[in-house]
């Protein structure tokens, strides 16, 4: 998954205005306590980050 696809999925799940804010503020345990933005900046695979976000938000399986 590319960064652009990650952000598309984030915006689809949370809306364009809230997605970036949420990703900068929400620390996720499965990302070693980092926010999605911190994880992306650290070079973590966007697919792994999306899976962590998906679980944290308890999104439907179809959005995985």
N, C-alpha and C. Protein backbone atom coordinates (compact mmCIF):
# COMPACT_ATOMS: atom_id res chain seq x y z
N UNK A 1 0.85 -1.17 0.00
CA UNK A 1 0.00 0.00 0.00
C UNK A 1 0.89 1.24 0.00
N UNK A 2 0.52 2.20 -0.80
CA UNK A 2 1.23 3.48 -0.84
C UNK A 2 0.65 4.43 0.20
N UNK A 3 1.44 5.44 0.51
CA UNK A 3 0.97 6.45 1.46
C UNK A 3 -0.34 7.08 0.98
N UNK A 4 -0.43 7.33 -0.33
CA UNK A 4 -1.64 7.96 -0.87
C UNK A 4 -2.87 7.09 -0.64
N UNK A 5 -2.73 5.78 -0.80
CA UNK A 5 -3.87 4.89 -0.55
C UNK A 5 -4.23 4.88 0.93
N UNK A 6 -3.22 4.89 1.79
CA UNK A 6 -3.47 4.96 3.22
C UNK A 6 -4.32 6.19 3.54
N UNK A 7 -3.92 7.35 3.00
CA UNK A 7 -4.67 8.59 3.29
C UNK A 7 -6.06 8.56 2.67
N UNK A 8 -6.22 7.95 1.53
CA UNK A 8 -7.55 7.81 0.93
C UNK A 8 -8.45 7.00 1.85
N UNK A 9 -7.91 5.90 2.38
CA UNK A 9 -8.70 5.08 3.30
C UNK A 9 -9.02 5.82 4.59
N UNK A 10 -8.06 6.58 5.10
CA UNK A 10 -8.30 7.36 6.30
C UNK A 10 -9.43 8.36 6.07
N UNK A 11 -9.38 9.06 4.95
CA UNK A 11 -10.41 10.05 4.64
C UNK A 11 -11.76 9.40 4.41
N UNK A 12 -11.77 8.22 3.82
CA UNK A 12 -13.04 7.51 3.62
C UNK A 12 -13.64 7.10 4.97
N UNK A 13 -12.78 6.72 5.91
CA UNK A 13 -13.26 6.26 7.21
C UNK A 13 -13.66 7.40 8.14
N UNK A 14 -12.90 8.51 8.09
CA UNK A 14 -13.10 9.58 9.07
C UNK A 14 -13.51 10.92 8.49
N UNK A 15 -13.49 11.02 7.18
CA UNK A 15 -13.77 12.30 6.54
C UNK A 15 -12.48 13.06 6.32
N UNK A 16 -12.44 13.88 5.28
CA UNK A 16 -11.19 14.58 4.94
C UNK A 16 -10.69 15.53 6.02
N UNK A 17 -11.58 16.18 6.73
CA UNK A 17 -11.15 17.16 7.72
C UNK A 17 -10.61 16.50 8.99
N UNK A 18 -11.20 15.40 9.40
CA UNK A 18 -10.84 14.77 10.67
C UNK A 18 -9.71 13.75 10.53
N UNK A 19 -9.53 13.16 9.37
CA UNK A 19 -8.55 12.08 9.19
C UNK A 19 -7.14 12.50 9.59
N UNK A 20 -6.68 13.62 9.09
CA UNK A 20 -5.31 14.07 9.38
C UNK A 20 -5.15 14.42 10.85
N UNK A 21 -6.15 15.06 11.43
CA UNK A 21 -6.10 15.42 12.84
C UNK A 21 -6.03 14.16 13.71
N UNK A 22 -6.89 13.21 13.43
CA UNK A 22 -6.92 11.96 14.19
C UNK A 22 -5.58 11.25 14.08
N UNK A 23 -5.02 11.19 12.88
CA UNK A 23 -3.76 10.48 12.64
C UNK A 23 -2.58 11.14 13.33
N UNK A 24 -2.69 12.42 13.63
CA UNK A 24 -1.61 13.12 14.35
C UNK A 24 -1.74 12.98 15.86
N UNK A 25 -2.94 12.66 16.34
CA UNK A 25 -3.19 12.69 17.78
C UNK A 25 -3.38 11.32 18.43
N UNK A 26 -3.82 10.34 17.69
CA UNK A 26 -4.20 9.05 18.27
C UNK A 26 -3.03 8.08 18.33
N UNK A 27 -2.50 7.86 19.51
CA UNK A 27 -1.44 6.86 19.69
C UNK A 27 -2.08 5.48 19.72
N UNK A 28 -1.44 4.54 19.05
CA UNK A 28 -1.98 3.18 18.93
C UNK A 28 -0.96 2.20 19.49
N UNK A 29 -1.39 1.39 20.44
CA UNK A 29 -0.49 0.46 21.12
C UNK A 29 0.22 -0.47 20.14
N UNK A 30 -0.49 -0.98 19.14
CA UNK A 30 0.13 -1.93 18.21
C UNK A 30 1.14 -1.26 17.28
N UNK A 31 1.22 0.05 17.33
CA UNK A 31 2.26 0.79 16.58
C UNK A 31 3.34 1.28 17.56
N UNK A 32 3.50 0.53 18.62
CA UNK A 32 4.47 0.87 19.67
C UNK A 32 4.18 2.22 20.31
N UNK A 33 2.89 2.52 20.43
CA UNK A 33 2.48 3.76 21.08
C UNK A 33 2.62 5.00 20.22
N UNK A 34 2.93 4.80 18.96
CA UNK A 34 3.07 5.95 18.04
C UNK A 34 1.72 6.28 17.41
N UNK A 35 1.63 7.50 16.93
CA UNK A 35 0.47 7.88 16.13
C UNK A 35 0.69 7.35 14.72
N UNK A 36 -0.36 7.27 13.91
CA UNK A 36 -0.16 6.86 12.52
C UNK A 36 0.84 7.75 11.78
N UNK A 37 0.81 9.04 12.01
CA UNK A 37 1.74 9.94 11.33
C UNK A 37 3.17 9.65 11.79
N UNK A 38 3.38 9.46 13.08
CA UNK A 38 4.71 9.13 13.58
C UNK A 38 5.20 7.81 12.99
N UNK A 39 4.31 6.83 12.88
CA UNK A 39 4.68 5.54 12.31
C UNK A 39 5.06 5.69 10.84
N UNK A 40 4.28 6.47 10.10
CA UNK A 40 4.63 6.71 8.69
C UNK A 40 5.99 7.37 8.59
N UNK A 41 6.23 8.38 9.41
CA UNK A 41 7.51 9.09 9.40
C UNK A 41 8.67 8.18 9.77
N UNK A 42 8.39 7.15 10.58
CA UNK A 42 9.44 6.21 11.00
C UNK A 42 9.68 5.11 9.97
N UNK A 43 8.88 5.12 8.89
CA UNK A 43 9.08 4.13 7.84
C UNK A 43 8.30 2.85 7.99
N UNK A 44 7.33 2.83 8.89
CA UNK A 44 6.49 1.65 9.06
C UNK A 44 5.63 1.49 7.81
N UNK A 45 5.43 0.25 7.40
CA UNK A 45 4.64 -0.05 6.21
C UNK A 45 3.22 0.51 6.37
N UNK A 46 2.74 1.31 5.42
CA UNK A 46 1.39 1.88 5.52
C UNK A 46 0.30 0.82 5.68
N UNK A 47 0.50 -0.37 5.12
CA UNK A 47 -0.49 -1.45 5.28
C UNK A 47 -0.59 -1.86 6.75
N UNK A 48 0.54 -1.97 7.41
CA UNK A 48 0.54 -2.31 8.85
C UNK A 48 -0.16 -1.21 9.64
N UNK A 49 0.11 0.03 9.29
CA UNK A 49 -0.52 1.15 9.99
C UNK A 49 -2.02 1.12 9.75
N UNK A 50 -2.44 0.87 8.51
CA UNK A 50 -3.86 0.82 8.22
C UNK A 50 -4.54 -0.27 9.02
N UNK A 51 -3.91 -1.43 9.13
CA UNK A 51 -4.49 -2.52 9.93
C UNK A 51 -4.67 -2.10 11.38
N UNK A 52 -3.69 -1.38 11.91
CA UNK A 52 -3.78 -0.90 13.29
C UNK A 52 -4.90 0.13 13.44
N UNK A 53 -5.01 1.03 12.48
CA UNK A 53 -6.08 2.03 12.49
C UNK A 53 -7.43 1.34 12.37
N UNK A 54 -7.52 0.39 11.46
CA UNK A 54 -8.76 -0.36 11.23
C UNK A 54 -9.23 -1.01 12.52
N UNK A 55 -8.30 -1.63 13.24
CA UNK A 55 -8.65 -2.28 14.51
C UNK A 55 -9.02 -1.25 15.57
N UNK A 56 -8.27 -0.17 15.65
CA UNK A 56 -8.54 0.86 16.66
C UNK A 56 -9.91 1.49 16.48
N UNK A 57 -10.31 1.67 15.22
CA UNK A 57 -11.60 2.28 14.93
C UNK A 57 -12.73 1.27 14.85
N UNK A 58 -12.37 -0.02 14.93
CA UNK A 58 -13.36 -1.10 14.82
C UNK A 58 -14.21 -0.94 13.55
N UNK A 59 -13.50 -0.77 12.44
CA UNK A 59 -14.17 -0.59 11.14
C UNK A 59 -14.67 -1.93 10.61
N UNK A 60 -15.65 -1.91 9.71
CA UNK A 60 -16.16 -3.15 9.14
C UNK A 60 -15.08 -3.90 8.37
N UNK A 61 -15.21 -5.21 8.33
CA UNK A 61 -14.22 -6.06 7.64
C UNK A 61 -14.05 -5.65 6.18
N UNK A 62 -15.10 -5.17 5.55
CA UNK A 62 -15.01 -4.80 4.13
C UNK A 62 -14.03 -3.65 3.89
N UNK A 63 -13.71 -2.89 4.93
CA UNK A 63 -12.79 -1.76 4.81
C UNK A 63 -11.34 -2.14 5.06
N UNK A 64 -11.12 -3.42 5.34
CA UNK A 64 -9.77 -3.87 5.65
C UNK A 64 -8.94 -3.79 4.41
